[in-house]
Structures are given as structure tokens and as C-alpha cells.
Amino acid sequence: MGYSHAMHMQLKLRPGTPVEKVEEALKPLTDYLGYADALTSGTGTDDQFSYDPKTGKLEVRTSGEVDDSYSDLVKQAGENLGPLVEEVGEITLHDYDSPDRDFFMDLDA
């Protein structure tokens, strides 16, 4: 059974972190959503994946129908990104169908 969601990730990674490392950290999400190389190739959808290696700014937005495993994948991506984080950042996941299942994660350096 799925649910309608909105996820926003805004993080400041260590400047100079290679795009390949960031893509590997995001792999749980990009694999689930069916995006290969989302940071370099784009998604072709309303979902957004952007990363600037010079500044370290990472921003990811996804929305739409997902299954119950999606929150676990978001958590896994956050844990994968943890070692790359330079400043405190956050990930929010809003479940439009069951707001009591909303998810918030702080990542700090």
C-alpha cells in the first residue's frame, strides 16, 4: 500500500566532495525512483536532485506516490550522507495520507 508524499533534503556537504560520492550516498533513493545519475543527468520529472561540488550545496525534492519502504530509504540516504556533511542540514518527509507518519531528520557535521 502506498502513500502520497513530499520529501525535501537540504544539506551543506564538504566543498569538493565528488559528485560520484554523493550519487552513491543517494543510491537508495535514486534506485527506488528509477533515476540513474540523477545529479548529472537529471530526472525528466518534477523530482529535483541538485549538487554543486564547489559550494557543497545539495538539494533534493521528491513527491508523488511511494510505498511504505520509502521512509527507510530516505533514512538510509541520510545516514550515507552523514559523513559528507559540513554543516547542520535537514531532511523532511511528509506523508499526505497519514500526517502522524511524517519524518524529520537533522544531519550535523
N, C-alpha and C. Protein backbone atom coordinates (compact mmCIF):
# COMPACT_ATOMS: atom_id res chain seq x y z
N MET A 1 0.85 -1.18 0.00
CA MET A 1 0.00 0.00 0.00
C MET A 1 0.89 1.23 0.00
N GLY A 2 0.60 2.19 -0.83
CA GLY A 2 1.42 3.38 -0.95
C GLY A 2 0.80 4.59 -0.32
N TYR A 3 1.52 5.69 -0.40
CA TYR A 3 1.02 6.95 0.11
C TYR A 3 1.60 8.09 -0.71
N SER A 4 0.93 9.22 -0.67
CA SER A 4 1.38 10.42 -1.36
C SER A 4 2.32 11.17 -0.43
N HIS A 5 3.46 11.61 -0.96
CA HIS A 5 4.48 12.22 -0.11
C HIS A 5 5.09 13.46 -0.74
N ALA A 6 5.82 14.19 0.08
CA ALA A 6 6.73 15.24 -0.36
C ALA A 6 7.97 15.12 0.51
N MET A 7 9.14 15.04 -0.11
CA MET A 7 10.40 14.94 0.63
C MET A 7 11.30 16.08 0.20
N HIS A 8 11.94 16.71 1.19
CA HIS A 8 12.89 17.78 0.91
C HIS A 8 14.15 17.55 1.72
N MET A 9 15.27 17.58 1.05
CA MET A 9 16.58 17.41 1.68
C MET A 9 17.40 18.63 1.31
N GLN A 10 17.93 19.31 2.32
CA GLN A 10 18.78 20.46 2.08
C GLN A 10 19.99 20.32 2.99
N LEU A 11 21.15 20.10 2.37
CA LEU A 11 22.36 19.83 3.12
C LEU A 11 23.53 20.62 2.55
N LYS A 12 24.49 20.92 3.42
CA LYS A 12 25.76 21.53 3.01
C LYS A 12 26.83 20.47 3.23
N LEU A 13 27.32 19.92 2.13
CA LEU A 13 28.37 18.92 2.19
C LEU A 13 29.73 19.61 2.14
N ARG A 14 30.77 18.85 2.48
CA ARG A 14 32.11 19.41 2.39
C ARG A 14 32.38 19.81 0.93
N PRO A 15 32.75 21.09 0.69
CA PRO A 15 33.06 21.50 -0.67
C PRO A 15 34.12 20.59 -1.28
N GLY A 16 33.95 20.30 -2.55
CA GLY A 16 34.89 19.42 -3.25
C GLY A 16 34.53 17.95 -3.18
N THR A 17 33.46 17.61 -2.42
CA THR A 17 33.03 16.21 -2.40
C THR A 17 32.64 15.81 -3.81
N PRO A 18 33.24 14.75 -4.35
CA PRO A 18 32.95 14.36 -5.73
C PRO A 18 31.48 13.98 -5.94
N VAL A 19 30.95 14.34 -7.10
CA VAL A 19 29.58 14.02 -7.46
C VAL A 19 29.33 12.52 -7.32
N GLU A 20 30.30 11.71 -7.69
CA GLU A 20 30.14 10.25 -7.63
C GLU A 20 29.89 9.77 -6.20
N LYS A 21 30.54 10.39 -5.22
CA LYS A 21 30.32 10.02 -3.81
C LYS A 21 28.90 10.38 -3.38
N VAL A 22 28.42 11.53 -3.82
CA VAL A 22 27.08 11.98 -3.46
C VAL A 22 26.05 11.07 -4.12
N GLU A 23 26.26 10.75 -5.39
CA GLU A 23 25.34 9.85 -6.09
C GLU A 23 25.30 8.48 -5.42
N GLU A 24 26.44 7.99 -4.96
CA GLU A 24 26.48 6.69 -4.28
C GLU A 24 25.69 6.76 -2.97
N ALA A 25 25.82 7.87 -2.24
CA ALA A 25 25.07 8.04 -0.98
C ALA A 25 23.57 8.10 -1.22
N LEU A 26 23.17 8.70 -2.34
CA LEU A 26 21.75 8.84 -2.67
C LEU A 26 21.17 7.60 -3.35
N LYS A 27 22.00 6.60 -3.60
CA LYS A 27 21.59 5.43 -4.38
C LYS A 27 20.31 4.75 -3.87
N PRO A 28 20.08 4.63 -2.56
CA PRO A 28 18.81 4.02 -2.14
C PRO A 28 17.59 4.75 -2.72
N LEU A 29 17.65 6.08 -2.77
CA LEU A 29 16.54 6.86 -3.33
C LEU A 29 16.49 6.77 -4.85
N THR A 30 17.64 6.99 -5.48
CA THR A 30 17.64 7.03 -6.94
C THR A 30 17.31 5.67 -7.54
N ASP A 31 17.77 4.59 -6.91
CA ASP A 31 17.40 3.26 -7.40
C ASP A 31 15.90 3.03 -7.28
N TYR A 32 15.33 3.37 -6.12
CA TYR A 32 13.90 3.18 -5.90
C TYR A 32 13.09 3.98 -6.92
N LEU A 33 13.51 5.22 -7.17
CA LEU A 33 12.76 6.10 -8.07
C LEU A 33 13.07 5.84 -9.54
N GLY A 34 14.11 5.04 -9.81
CA GLY A 34 14.45 4.69 -11.19
C GLY A 34 15.28 5.73 -11.90
N TYR A 35 16.10 6.48 -11.14
CA TYR A 35 16.94 7.52 -11.74
C TYR A 35 18.40 7.09 -11.68
N ALA A 36 19.00 6.90 -12.83
CA ALA A 36 20.44 6.66 -12.89
C ALA A 36 21.13 8.02 -13.03
N ASP A 37 22.12 8.27 -12.23
CA ASP A 37 22.90 9.51 -12.32
C ASP A 37 22.02 10.76 -12.24
N ALA A 38 21.15 10.83 -11.25
CA ALA A 38 20.19 11.93 -11.13
C ALA A 38 20.87 13.29 -11.00
N LEU A 39 22.05 13.34 -10.38
CA LEU A 39 22.73 14.62 -10.20
C LEU A 39 23.35 15.13 -11.49
N THR A 40 23.77 14.23 -12.35
CA THR A 40 24.42 14.65 -13.59
C THR A 40 23.48 14.63 -14.79
N SER A 41 22.51 13.73 -14.78
CA SER A 41 21.63 13.58 -15.95
C SER A 41 20.25 14.17 -15.74
N GLY A 42 19.88 14.47 -14.51
CA GLY A 42 18.52 14.95 -14.24
C GLY A 42 17.55 13.79 -14.17
N THR A 43 16.28 14.12 -13.90
CA THR A 43 15.28 13.07 -13.73
C THR A 43 14.23 13.07 -14.83
N GLY A 44 14.05 14.19 -15.50
CA GLY A 44 13.00 14.28 -16.50
C GLY A 44 11.61 14.34 -15.89
N THR A 45 11.53 14.60 -14.59
CA THR A 45 10.26 14.69 -13.87
C THR A 45 10.27 15.93 -12.98
N ASP A 46 9.26 16.06 -12.14
CA ASP A 46 9.23 17.16 -11.18
C ASP A 46 10.19 16.95 -10.02
N ASP A 47 10.66 15.71 -9.82
CA ASP A 47 11.64 15.45 -8.76
C ASP A 47 12.93 16.19 -9.13
N GLN A 48 13.59 16.74 -8.11
CA GLN A 48 14.79 17.53 -8.34
C GLN A 48 15.95 17.01 -7.51
N PHE A 49 17.09 16.85 -8.14
CA PHE A 49 18.33 16.48 -7.49
C PHE A 49 19.38 17.47 -7.97
N SER A 50 19.94 18.28 -7.07
CA SER A 50 20.98 19.21 -7.49
C SER A 50 22.10 19.23 -6.45
N TYR A 51 23.32 19.32 -6.97
CA TYR A 51 24.50 19.36 -6.11
C TYR A 51 25.56 20.22 -6.79
N ASP A 52 26.13 21.14 -6.02
CA ASP A 52 27.22 21.98 -6.50
C ASP A 52 28.49 21.60 -5.75
N PRO A 53 29.43 20.92 -6.41
CA PRO A 53 30.65 20.49 -5.72
C PRO A 53 31.49 21.65 -5.19
N LYS A 54 31.40 22.82 -5.82
CA LYS A 54 32.20 23.97 -5.37
C LYS A 54 31.73 24.47 -4.01
N THR A 55 30.42 24.55 -3.82
CA THR A 55 29.87 25.07 -2.56
C THR A 55 29.47 23.97 -1.59
N GLY A 56 29.24 22.77 -2.11
CA GLY A 56 28.77 21.66 -1.29
C GLY A 56 27.27 21.63 -1.08
N LYS A 57 26.54 22.54 -1.73
CA LYS A 57 25.09 22.61 -1.54
C LYS A 57 24.40 21.45 -2.27
N LEU A 58 23.64 20.66 -1.48
CA LEU A 58 22.85 19.55 -2.01
C LEU A 58 21.39 19.81 -1.71
N GLU A 59 20.57 19.70 -2.74
CA GLU A 59 19.13 19.85 -2.55
C GLU A 59 18.42 18.76 -3.35
N VAL A 60 17.52 18.07 -2.66
CA VAL A 60 16.73 17.00 -3.29
C VAL A 60 15.27 17.21 -2.91
N ARG A 61 14.41 17.13 -3.91
CA ARG A 61 12.95 17.20 -3.69
C ARG A 61 12.30 16.08 -4.47
N THR A 62 11.46 15.32 -3.80
CA THR A 62 10.68 14.29 -4.49
C THR A 62 9.24 14.40 -4.01
N SER A 63 8.32 13.95 -4.85
CA SER A 63 6.91 13.94 -4.47
C SER A 63 6.19 12.88 -5.29
N GLY A 64 4.99 12.52 -4.82
CA GLY A 64 4.18 11.54 -5.53
C GLY A 64 3.92 10.31 -4.69
N GLU A 65 3.46 9.27 -5.34
CA GLU A 65 3.12 8.01 -4.67
C GLU A 65 4.38 7.17 -4.42
N VAL A 66 4.51 6.68 -3.21
CA VAL A 66 5.59 5.76 -2.84
C VAL A 66 5.02 4.68 -1.94
N ASP A 67 5.79 3.61 -1.74
CA ASP A 67 5.31 2.57 -0.82
C ASP A 67 5.89 2.79 0.57
N ASP A 68 5.50 1.95 1.50
CA ASP A 68 5.87 2.14 2.91
C ASP A 68 7.37 2.06 3.16
N SER A 69 8.13 1.50 2.25
CA SER A 69 9.58 1.39 2.45
C SER A 69 10.31 2.71 2.18
N TYR A 70 9.62 3.68 1.60
CA TYR A 70 10.31 4.90 1.18
C TYR A 70 10.96 5.64 2.35
N SER A 71 10.30 5.70 3.49
CA SER A 71 10.90 6.40 4.63
C SER A 71 12.20 5.74 5.06
N ASP A 72 12.27 4.42 4.99
CA ASP A 72 13.52 3.72 5.33
C ASP A 72 14.62 4.07 4.34
N LEU A 73 14.27 4.22 3.07
CA LEU A 73 15.25 4.59 2.05
C LEU A 73 15.75 6.02 2.25
N VAL A 74 14.85 6.92 2.67
CA VAL A 74 15.25 8.29 2.97
C VAL A 74 16.22 8.29 4.15
N LYS A 75 15.91 7.53 5.19
CA LYS A 75 16.80 7.43 6.35
C LYS A 75 18.16 6.87 5.94
N GLN A 76 18.17 5.83 5.10
CA GLN A 76 19.43 5.24 4.65
C GLN A 76 20.26 6.25 3.87
N ALA A 77 19.63 7.00 2.98
CA ALA A 77 20.36 8.02 2.23
C ALA A 77 20.93 9.07 3.19
N GLY A 78 20.15 9.46 4.19
CA GLY A 78 20.64 10.42 5.19
C GLY A 78 21.84 9.88 5.95
N GLU A 79 21.78 8.63 6.36
CA GLU A 79 22.91 8.01 7.04
C GLU A 79 24.13 7.93 6.13
N ASN A 80 23.91 7.63 4.86
CA ASN A 80 25.02 7.56 3.90
C ASN A 80 25.67 8.94 3.71
N LEU A 81 24.85 10.00 3.74
CA LEU A 81 25.36 11.35 3.54
C LEU A 81 26.02 11.92 4.79
N GLY A 82 25.70 11.38 5.95
CA GLY A 82 26.21 11.90 7.22
C GLY A 82 27.70 12.20 7.23
N PRO A 83 28.56 11.27 6.81
CA PRO A 83 30.00 11.53 6.83
C PRO A 83 30.45 12.63 5.87
N LEU A 84 29.61 13.02 4.93
CA LEU A 84 29.97 14.04 3.94
C LEU A 84 29.51 15.44 4.33
N VAL A 85 28.69 15.53 5.40
CA VAL A 85 28.07 16.79 5.80
C VAL A 85 29.08 17.71 6.47
N GLU A 86 29.05 19.00 6.06
CA GLU A 86 29.92 20.00 6.68
C GLU A 86 29.17 20.84 7.72
N GLU A 87 27.89 21.15 7.45
CA GLU A 87 27.07 21.96 8.36
C GLU A 87 25.75 21.25 8.63
N VAL A 88 25.10 21.67 9.70
CA VAL A 88 23.80 21.10 10.04
C VAL A 88 22.84 21.26 8.86
N GLY A 89 22.12 20.20 8.54
CA GLY A 89 21.13 20.22 7.48
C GLY A 89 19.94 19.39 7.91
N GLU A 90 18.92 19.33 7.05
CA GLU A 90 17.73 18.60 7.44
C GLU A 90 17.10 17.88 6.26
N ILE A 91 16.37 16.84 6.63
CA ILE A 91 15.57 16.07 5.68
C ILE A 91 14.17 15.99 6.26
N THR A 92 13.17 16.34 5.47
CA THR A 92 11.78 16.19 5.90
C THR A 92 11.04 15.31 4.91
N LEU A 93 10.18 14.47 5.42
CA LEU A 93 9.33 13.61 4.60
C LEU A 93 7.92 13.76 5.12
N HIS A 94 7.03 14.27 4.27
CA HIS A 94 5.64 14.49 4.67
C HIS A 94 4.76 13.45 4.00
N ASP A 95 3.99 12.76 4.81
CA ASP A 95 3.02 11.77 4.33
C ASP A 95 1.66 12.45 4.29
N TYR A 96 1.16 12.74 3.09
CA TYR A 96 -0.11 13.44 2.96
C TYR A 96 -1.30 12.60 3.41
N ASP A 97 -1.16 11.28 3.35
CA ASP A 97 -2.26 10.40 3.71
C ASP A 97 -2.35 10.16 5.21
N SER A 98 -1.22 10.14 5.90
CA SER A 98 -1.18 9.88 7.34
C SER A 98 -0.15 10.82 7.98
N PRO A 99 -0.52 12.06 8.29
CA PRO A 99 0.44 13.02 8.82
C PRO A 99 1.16 12.55 10.08
N ASP A 100 0.59 11.61 10.80
CA ASP A 100 1.25 11.11 12.00
C ASP A 100 2.52 10.32 11.65
N ARG A 101 2.70 9.99 10.36
CA ARG A 101 3.91 9.27 9.95
C ARG A 101 4.95 10.21 9.34
N ASP A 102 4.78 11.53 9.49
CA ASP A 102 5.77 12.47 8.99
C ASP A 102 7.12 12.17 9.63
N PHE A 103 8.17 12.52 8.93
CA PHE A 103 9.53 12.16 9.34
C PHE A 103 10.43 13.39 9.21
N PHE A 104 11.29 13.61 10.20
CA PHE A 104 12.24 14.71 10.18
C PHE A 104 13.57 14.18 10.67
N MET A 105 14.63 14.55 9.97
CA MET A 105 15.98 14.07 10.34
C MET A 105 16.95 15.25 10.24
N ASP A 106 17.67 15.52 11.34
CA ASP A 106 18.76 16.51 11.34
C ASP A 106 20.06 15.77 11.05
N LEU A 107 20.87 16.35 10.22
CA LEU A 107 22.23 15.84 9.99
C LEU A 107 23.20 16.93 10.37
N ASP A 108 24.18 16.61 11.19
CA ASP A 108 25.18 17.60 11.52
C ASP A 108 26.57 17.02 11.37
N ALA A 109 27.50 17.95 11.25
CA ALA A 109 28.90 17.59 10.99
C ALA A 109 29.53 16.97 12.22
